[in-house]
Amino acid sequence: MSKRIVIIGTGFAGTFAALAAARLRDMQDVSPDALEILALSREPILTIRPRLYERLPGDMKADLDALFAATDVRFLQGEVTGIDPASQSVALRTTSDGTETLSYDRLVLAAGSQVAHPPIPGLADFAFNNDQRDTADKLWRHVQSLADRPTSTERDTVVIAGGGFTGIETAAEFPHRLREVLGPEASPRVVIVERADAIGPDLGPNPRPVIEEALDTLGVERRLGVAVSAIDAHGVTLSNGERIDSATVVWTGGIRPTPLNADIASAKDALGRLLVDADLRVPDAPAIFAAGDAASAATDGDGNRTLMSCQHAMPLGRIAGNNAAADLLGLPAMAYEQPVYGTCLDLGPWGAVITQGWDRQVVLSGAEAKTMKAQINSVWIYPPEADRTAAFAAAEPGIYATV
């Protein structure tokens, strides 16, 4: 009797989960008819999400059709609207607006995350974000259109709401981006608004002097210890009453995991991520494995846990896909561990900063770090070519360092 692994999502975790499951199936000489690997998402595309702050964000994608065909992964287009762990099934809304119920023997939940939208007046109507490919492209097109407007403080000012990783990378891009659009004589103003008392609060103190130097050089202003309290068509009002006129407000105020997590009655962290076992199984739903931004997993024995980043998503996907297949094939599961941790933060024309370790000790900055960041963004995080051997080599589970 044939078995089926369903993988929800074709982001970094979902793509590598599908390839890892197919790899183990191939190693065991099991036919695709006996063990079907079915990937579900809105399109057979991996969005290169870490690059959405760059130029032409609509092009930041990798097509997966040929890769899935080369590895005998079946793809079905649609949006998963619900998971029923009791019946081991998912509801899929197809492109024709119909709904299918698909059964699974094992499920890998890798449906990613979305930008958080707190109840701030005007946020939904007037703010942009670069969280997804379509929203980042909308922002890109808006910025290009600013050239058609008359010169004004509002036109020439960009407010970045959120001074975390994404906010910093986005802000560092904007001064030269605006000069490209508005002309070299323009005087763009870029302002980061961060509710914490320091820029990059989650990045810790070690890289902060480098970040501050870069932002100062680029002319990026900071408003620290305050929050955006309202957004309208002409700018923002801050919690301290300050008004900043701006035609471009970019929201980068954190992300939350897929709402599908709510369908699974198992322990979650404060962000709503599923707390998974060492083999990435959901404790109270043993037929389900979780990976990527949907999961919170221990990376080591020191209390560190995965972050919502492709650095953790790809290894999580490899282990989850492998273990879902191993479970059905009667093979032992692999434990996930990733003790090596690093960050690489783009700082626009100034360069970048690279850190190692959970205390984020700076190991490289400036132009040299920028070269490595470009390598990471343009090569390392892309899926393999549509070649069976290369794909399965890329999908081998293990411990991965990124910098």
Protein backbone atom coordinates (compact mmCIF):
# COMPACT_ATOMS: atom_id res chain seq x y z
CA MET A 1 0.00 0.00 0.00
CA SER A 2 1.42 3.39 -1.00
CA LYS A 3 2.29 6.06 1.56
CA ARG A 4 2.29 9.86 1.26
CA ILE A 5 4.38 12.63 2.77
CA VAL A 6 2.76 16.04 2.45
CA ILE A 7 5.00 19.10 2.73
CA ILE A 8 3.29 22.43 3.25
CA GLY A 9 5.35 25.27 1.84
CA THR A 10 8.09 25.69 -0.76
CA GLY A 11 10.26 28.18 1.08
CA PHE A 12 13.74 27.26 2.23
CA ALA A 13 12.56 24.66 4.75
CA GLY A 14 9.85 23.16 2.55
CA THR A 15 12.03 22.89 -0.54
CA PHE A 16 14.85 21.14 1.28
CA ALA A 17 12.40 18.93 3.19
CA ALA A 18 11.02 17.67 -0.11
CA LEU A 19 14.50 17.04 -1.51
CA ALA A 20 15.71 15.29 1.66
CA ALA A 21 12.67 12.99 1.73
CA ALA A 22 13.18 12.17 -1.94
CA ARG A 23 16.88 11.55 -1.30
CA LEU A 24 16.22 8.98 1.42
CA ARG A 25 13.52 7.32 -0.69
CA ASP A 26 16.02 7.04 -3.54
CA MET A 27 18.75 5.67 -1.27
CA GLN A 28 16.36 2.94 -0.10
CA ASP A 29 15.39 2.12 -3.69
CA VAL A 30 11.74 2.85 -2.99
CA SER A 31 9.64 3.94 -5.96
CA PRO A 32 7.73 7.26 -6.04
CA ASP A 33 4.55 5.19 -6.44
CA ALA A 34 5.19 3.45 -3.13
CA LEU A 35 6.13 6.64 -1.28
CA GLU A 36 4.68 9.82 -2.72
CA ILE A 37 6.23 13.14 -1.76
CA LEU A 38 3.72 15.92 -2.32
CA ALA A 39 4.64 19.61 -1.95
CA LEU A 40 1.88 22.18 -1.56
CA SER A 41 2.11 25.96 -1.97
CA ARG A 42 0.63 28.85 -3.88
CA GLU A 43 3.25 28.55 -6.62
CA PRO A 44 6.17 26.23 -7.48
CA ILE A 45 8.64 28.92 -6.52
CA LEU A 46 11.13 29.52 -3.74
CA THR A 47 11.12 33.21 -2.87
CA ILE A 48 14.62 34.37 -1.96
CA ARG A 49 13.23 36.28 0.98
CA PRO A 50 16.55 37.50 2.44
CA ARG A 51 17.04 39.54 -0.75
CA LEU A 52 13.72 41.41 -0.80
CA TYR A 53 15.36 44.63 0.41
CA GLU A 54 17.50 44.70 -2.75
CA ARG A 55 16.78 46.07 -6.23
CA LEU A 56 14.06 44.39 -8.33
CA PRO A 57 12.64 42.26 -5.51
CA GLY A 58 10.03 40.77 -7.82
CA ASP A 59 12.85 38.84 -9.49
CA MET A 60 14.15 37.32 -6.25
CA LYS A 61 12.88 33.80 -6.82
CA ALA A 62 13.91 30.34 -7.96
CA ASP A 63 11.56 28.19 -10.05
CA LEU A 64 11.12 24.68 -8.67
CA ASP A 65 9.24 22.83 -11.42
CA ALA A 66 12.33 21.32 -13.05
CA LEU A 67 13.98 20.56 -9.69
CA PHE A 68 10.91 18.73 -8.41
CA ALA A 69 10.55 16.84 -11.70
CA ALA A 70 14.19 15.72 -11.53
CA THR A 71 13.70 14.37 -8.00
CA ASP A 72 10.20 12.88 -8.41
CA VAL A 73 8.57 15.35 -6.04
CA ARG A 74 4.96 15.98 -6.96
CA PHE A 75 3.75 19.58 -6.70
CA LEU A 76 0.16 20.72 -6.24
CA GLN A 77 -0.69 24.41 -6.43
CA GLY A 78 -3.04 25.96 -3.91
CA GLU A 79 -3.31 27.39 -0.42
CA VAL A 80 -3.56 25.14 2.62
CA THR A 81 -6.38 26.53 4.75
CA GLY A 82 -6.42 23.97 7.53
CA ILE A 83 -4.81 20.92 9.11
CA ASP A 84 -6.73 18.14 10.87
CA PRO A 85 -4.22 16.09 12.87
CA ALA A 86 -6.92 13.64 14.02
CA SER A 87 -7.83 12.55 10.49
CA GLN A 88 -4.30 13.22 9.15
CA SER A 89 -5.56 15.47 6.40
CA VAL A 90 -5.19 19.01 5.09
CA ALA A 91 -7.65 21.29 3.30
CA LEU A 92 -6.29 22.81 0.10
CA ARG A 93 -7.95 25.70 -1.70
CA THR A 94 -6.97 25.27 -5.32
CA THR A 95 -6.45 27.91 -8.00
CA SER A 96 -9.97 27.22 -9.29
CA ASP A 97 -11.32 28.22 -5.85
CA GLY A 98 -12.34 24.67 -5.12
CA THR A 99 -11.29 22.85 -1.95
CA GLU A 100 -9.64 19.45 -1.78
CA THR A 101 -9.04 17.30 1.26
CA LEU A 102 -5.70 15.54 1.07
CA SER A 103 -4.68 12.76 3.42
CA TYR A 104 -1.15 12.27 4.67
CA ASP A 105 0.81 9.56 6.41
CA ARG A 106 3.42 12.08 7.50
CA LEU A 107 3.26 15.87 7.30
CA VAL A 108 6.07 18.41 7.24
CA LEU A 109 4.73 21.82 8.20
CA ALA A 110 7.05 24.39 6.64
CA ALA A 111 4.60 27.17 5.79
CA GLY A 112 6.90 29.98 6.89
CA SER A 113 5.93 33.24 8.50
CA GLN A 114 4.33 36.61 7.82
CA VAL A 115 5.03 40.15 8.92
CA ALA A 116 3.22 41.02 12.15
CA HIS A 117 0.46 43.62 11.90
CA PRO A 118 -0.36 45.08 15.31
CA PRO A 119 -3.45 47.29 15.61
CA ILE A 120 -1.75 50.58 14.75
CA PRO A 121 -4.09 53.09 13.09
CA GLY A 122 -3.32 53.34 9.39
CA LEU A 123 -0.81 50.51 9.28
CA ALA A 124 -2.81 48.30 6.91
CA ASP A 125 -3.79 51.18 4.62
CA PHE A 126 -0.67 53.30 4.35
CA ALA A 127 2.46 51.31 5.22
CA PHE A 128 4.58 49.24 2.85
CA ASN A 129 6.61 46.15 3.72
CA ASN A 130 9.19 43.95 2.03
CA ASP A 131 8.09 40.75 3.73
CA GLN A 132 6.90 38.89 0.62
CA ARG A 133 7.81 39.15 -3.04
CA ASP A 134 4.60 40.91 -4.06
CA THR A 135 4.68 43.42 -1.20
CA ALA A 136 8.38 44.14 -1.77
CA ASP A 137 7.68 44.69 -5.46
CA LYS A 138 4.86 47.07 -4.56
CA LEU A 139 7.32 49.07 -2.44
CA TRP A 140 9.89 49.04 -5.25
CA ARG A 141 7.35 50.38 -7.77
CA HIS A 142 6.21 53.04 -5.33
CA VAL A 143 9.77 54.28 -4.86
CA GLN A 144 10.25 54.50 -8.64
CA SER A 145 7.06 56.55 -8.90
CA LEU A 146 8.39 59.19 -6.50
CA ALA A 147 10.29 60.74 -9.40
CA ASP A 148 6.96 61.87 -10.84
CA ARG A 149 6.14 63.91 -7.73
CA PRO A 150 7.25 67.48 -7.06
CA THR A 151 10.08 68.01 -4.63
CA SER A 152 8.91 68.08 -1.01
CA THR A 153 10.02 66.94 2.42
CA GLU A 154 7.29 64.31 2.34
CA ARG A 155 8.45 62.88 -0.99
CA ASP A 156 12.09 62.78 0.01
CA THR A 157 11.60 61.16 3.44
CA VAL A 158 11.42 57.45 4.21
CA VAL A 159 10.45 56.14 7.64
CA ILE A 160 11.49 52.61 8.57
CA ALA A 161 9.33 51.35 11.43
CA GLY A 162 11.51 48.83 13.27
CA GLY A 163 15.23 48.83 13.88
CA GLY A 164 15.90 45.10 13.82
CA PHE A 165 17.74 43.07 11.19
CA THR A 166 15.30 43.75 8.35
CA GLY A 167 14.84 47.39 9.30
CA ILE A 168 18.57 48.06 9.32
CA GLU A 169 19.18 46.38 5.96
CA THR A 170 16.23 48.21 4.41
CA ALA A 171 17.24 51.60 5.82
CA ALA A 172 20.84 51.22 4.63
CA GLU A 173 19.60 50.72 1.06
CA PHE A 174 17.35 53.75 0.90
CA PRO A 175 19.68 56.78 0.77
CA HIS A 176 21.37 55.71 -2.45
CA ARG A 177 18.15 54.16 -3.79
CA LEU A 178 16.38 57.51 -3.47
CA ARG A 179 19.27 59.34 -5.14
CA GLU A 180 19.05 56.91 -8.05
CA VAL A 181 15.36 57.71 -8.44
CA LEU A 182 15.27 61.40 -7.57
CA GLY A 183 18.64 62.43 -8.96
CA PRO A 184 22.04 63.10 -7.40
CA GLU A 185 21.01 66.57 -6.29
CA ALA A 186 18.26 65.14 -4.05
CA SER A 187 18.59 65.27 -0.28
CA PRO A 188 16.88 62.09 0.89
CA ARG A 189 16.06 61.62 4.55
CA VAL A 190 15.81 58.12 6.05
CA VAL A 191 14.63 57.68 9.64
CA ILE A 192 14.52 54.43 11.63
CA VAL A 193 11.99 54.34 14.46
CA GLU A 194 12.79 51.69 17.09
CA ARG A 195 10.90 51.23 20.36
CA ALA A 196 13.99 49.84 22.12
CA ASP A 197 16.67 52.15 23.46
CA ALA A 198 19.30 50.85 21.03
CA ILE A 199 19.46 50.01 17.35
CA GLY A 200 19.37 46.29 16.53
CA PRO A 201 18.19 45.24 19.99
CA ASP A 202 18.11 41.53 19.13
CA LEU A 203 21.61 41.67 17.63
CA GLY A 204 23.20 42.58 20.93
CA PRO A 205 25.94 45.08 21.77
CA ASN A 206 28.92 43.63 19.90
CA PRO A 207 28.03 44.57 16.29
CA ARG A 208 26.25 47.78 17.35
CA PRO A 209 29.23 50.17 16.98
CA VAL A 210 29.75 48.93 13.41
CA ILE A 211 26.06 49.32 12.62
CA GLU A 212 25.98 52.82 14.10
CA GLU A 213 29.09 53.85 12.16
CA ALA A 214 27.57 52.61 8.91
CA LEU A 215 24.22 54.31 9.49
CA ASP A 216 25.94 57.57 10.46
CA THR A 217 28.05 57.46 7.30
CA LEU A 218 24.95 56.83 5.20
CA GLY A 219 23.06 59.62 6.93
CA VAL A 220 20.36 57.41 8.40
CA GLU A 221 18.67 59.01 11.42
CA ARG A 222 17.38 57.05 14.41
CA ARG A 223 14.52 57.66 16.78
CA LEU A 224 15.09 55.28 19.69
CA GLY A 225 12.88 54.51 22.66
CA VAL A 226 9.75 55.54 20.78
CA ALA A 227 7.22 53.74 18.61
CA VAL A 228 5.03 54.52 15.64
CA SER A 229 1.59 55.21 17.07
CA ALA A 230 -0.27 56.14 13.85
CA ILE A 231 0.31 56.17 10.09
CA ASP A 232 -1.55 58.17 7.48
CA ALA A 233 -1.19 59.06 3.80
CA HIS A 234 1.34 61.78 4.58
CA GLY A 235 3.54 60.30 7.30
CA VAL A 236 3.70 58.99 10.85
CA THR A 237 3.02 60.14 14.38
CA LEU A 238 5.33 58.78 17.08
CA SER A 239 4.48 57.82 20.63
CA ASN A 240 6.24 60.95 21.92
CA GLY A 241 4.05 63.15 19.74
CA GLU A 242 6.67 63.84 17.07
CA ARG A 243 5.35 64.09 13.52
CA ILE A 244 7.45 62.96 10.52
CA ASP A 245 6.07 63.76 7.07
CA SER A 246 6.79 60.89 4.69
CA ALA A 247 5.35 59.42 1.50
CA THR A 248 7.09 56.11 2.20
CA VAL A 249 6.59 54.30 5.50
CA VAL A 250 8.05 50.78 5.61
CA TRP A 251 6.87 48.45 8.36
CA THR A 252 9.47 45.91 9.57
CA GLY A 253 8.02 45.31 13.03
CA GLY A 254 8.64 41.60 13.43
CA ILE A 255 7.22 38.39 11.98
CA ARG A 256 4.91 35.65 13.20
CA PRO A 257 4.76 31.99 12.14
CA THR A 258 2.11 30.52 9.88
CA PRO A 259 -1.42 30.65 11.32
CA LEU A 260 -1.67 26.92 10.49
CA ASN A 261 0.24 26.31 13.73
CA ALA A 262 -2.99 27.11 15.56
CA ASP A 263 -4.58 23.94 14.13
CA ILE A 264 -2.13 21.78 16.06
CA ALA A 265 -2.77 21.37 19.78
CA SER A 266 0.82 21.19 20.97
CA ALA A 267 3.11 23.45 22.98
CA LYS A 268 4.27 26.68 21.32
CA ASP A 269 6.70 29.45 22.18
CA ALA A 270 5.81 33.10 22.78
CA LEU A 271 5.80 33.78 19.04
CA GLY A 272 3.49 30.86 18.31
CA ARG A 273 6.13 28.51 16.90
CA LEU A 274 5.69 24.79 17.57
CA LEU A 275 8.13 23.42 20.14
CA VAL A 276 9.52 20.33 18.46
CA ASP A 277 11.52 17.35 19.68
CA ALA A 278 15.12 16.72 18.68
CA ASP A 279 13.93 14.86 15.57
CA LEU A 280 11.64 17.85 14.73
CA ARG A 281 8.49 15.88 15.48
CA VAL A 282 5.59 17.75 17.08
CA PRO A 283 5.19 16.02 20.47
CA ASP A 284 1.38 15.94 20.57
CA ALA A 285 0.94 15.19 16.86
CA PRO A 286 3.37 12.35 16.09
CA ALA A 287 2.59 12.23 12.36
CA ILE A 288 3.67 15.87 11.98
CA PHE A 289 7.16 17.32 11.71
CA ALA A 290 7.73 21.09 11.71
CA ALA A 291 10.56 23.07 10.17
CA GLY A 292 11.61 26.59 9.28
CA ASP A 293 9.75 29.51 10.79
CA ALA A 294 6.92 27.23 11.94
CA ALA A 295 9.21 25.49 14.44
CA SER A 296 11.28 26.28 17.49
CA ALA A 297 14.04 23.69 17.91
CA ALA A 298 17.07 23.45 20.18
CA THR A 299 20.23 24.10 18.19
CA ASP A 300 22.64 22.87 20.87
CA GLY A 301 22.84 21.88 24.51
CA ASP A 302 23.33 25.44 25.74
CA GLY A 303 19.72 26.59 25.55
CA ASN A 304 19.91 28.28 22.14
CA ARG A 305 16.97 27.80 19.78
CA THR A 306 16.41 28.36 16.10
CA LEU A 307 15.65 31.78 14.70
CA MET A 308 13.36 32.69 11.83
CA SER A 309 16.06 32.76 9.14
CA CYS A 310 17.13 30.72 6.15
CA GLN A 311 20.31 29.86 8.09
CA HIS A 312 18.19 27.60 10.27
CA ALA A 313 15.37 26.87 7.82
CA MET A 314 17.45 24.89 5.33
CA PRO A 315 19.04 22.49 7.88
CA LEU A 316 15.68 22.12 9.63
CA GLY A 317 14.06 21.23 6.33
CA ARG A 318 16.69 18.62 5.53
CA ILE A 319 16.25 16.90 8.89
CA ALA A 320 12.44 17.11 8.91
CA GLY A 321 12.10 15.72 5.38
CA ASN A 322 14.59 12.96 6.07
CA ASN A 323 12.87 11.97 9.30
CA ALA A 324 9.38 12.01 7.82
CA ALA A 325 10.56 9.53 5.17
CA ALA A 326 12.60 7.51 7.67
CA ASP A 327 9.53 7.13 9.89
CA LEU A 328 7.57 5.52 7.05
CA LEU A 329 10.49 3.40 5.88
CA GLY A 330 11.26 1.96 9.32
CA LEU A 331 14.61 3.73 9.60
CA PRO A 332 16.06 5.58 12.61
CA ALA A 333 15.50 9.31 12.84
CA MET A 334 18.29 11.87 12.90
CA ALA A 335 18.57 14.45 15.65
CA TYR A 336 18.81 18.07 14.60
CA GLU A 337 21.71 20.13 15.90
CA GLN A 338 23.36 23.28 14.57
CA PRO A 339 25.84 24.59 17.14
CA VAL A 340 27.58 26.99 14.75
CA TYR A 341 25.76 30.30 14.45
CA GLY A 342 26.65 33.43 12.52
CA THR A 343 25.03 36.56 11.15
CA CYS A 344 25.75 38.63 8.07
CA LEU A 345 24.05 42.02 8.03
CA ASP A 346 24.05 44.12 4.87
CA LEU A 347 24.79 47.79 5.48
CA GLY A 348 24.23 49.14 1.98
CA PRO A 349 27.04 50.96 0.16
CA TRP A 350 29.01 51.15 3.42
CA GLY A 351 29.52 47.38 3.43
CA ALA A 352 28.32 44.71 5.84
CA VAL A 353 29.12 43.19 9.21
CA ILE A 354 29.67 39.50 9.93
CA THR A 355 29.54 37.98 13.39
CA GLN A 356 30.08 34.51 14.82
CA GLY A 357 28.58 32.90 17.87
CA TRP A 358 25.41 33.61 19.80
CA ASP A 359 27.18 36.56 21.45
CA ARG A 360 27.79 37.89 17.91
CA GLN A 361 31.48 38.67 18.00
CA VAL A 362 32.40 40.75 14.95
CA VAL A 363 34.79 38.89 12.65
CA LEU A 364 34.54 40.99 9.48
CA SER A 365 33.10 44.35 8.47
CA GLY A 366 33.09 46.86 5.65
CA ALA A 367 33.84 45.96 2.03
CA GLU A 368 35.21 42.47 2.79
CA ALA A 369 32.05 41.56 4.67
CA LYS A 370 29.98 42.96 1.80
CA THR A 371 31.70 40.58 -0.63
CA MET A 372 30.79 37.62 1.55
CA LYS A 373 27.22 38.89 1.97
CA ALA A 374 26.89 39.07 -1.82
CA GLN A 375 28.13 35.49 -2.08
CA ILE A 376 25.61 34.33 0.52
CA ASN A 377 22.72 36.18 -1.11
CA SER A 378 23.47 35.26 -4.71
CA VAL A 379 24.86 31.71 -4.38
CA TRP A 380 24.73 29.96 -1.02
CA ILE A 381 21.03 30.28 -0.28
CA TYR A 382 19.78 29.24 -3.72
CA PRO A 383 18.45 25.73 -4.35
CA PRO A 384 20.54 23.32 -6.43
CA GLU A 385 20.21 22.90 -10.17
CA ALA A 386 17.61 20.55 -11.58
CA ASP A 387 19.98 17.59 -11.52
CA ARG A 388 19.07 14.54 -9.45
CA THR A 389 22.59 13.87 -8.17
CA ALA A 390 23.29 17.51 -7.31
CA ALA A 391 19.90 17.95 -5.68
CA PHE A 392 20.30 14.93 -3.42
CA ALA A 393 23.82 16.00 -2.46
CA ALA A 394 22.48 19.43 -1.47
CA ALA A 395 19.71 17.78 0.56
CA GLU A 396 21.98 15.65 2.74
CA PRO A 397 21.07 16.32 6.37
CA GLY A 398 23.81 17.28 8.81
CA ILE A 399 25.36 20.20 10.66
CA TYR A 400 25.76 23.36 8.64
CA ALA A 401 27.78 26.49 9.21
CA THR A 402 26.96 29.54 7.11
CA VAL A 403 29.77 31.98 7.72
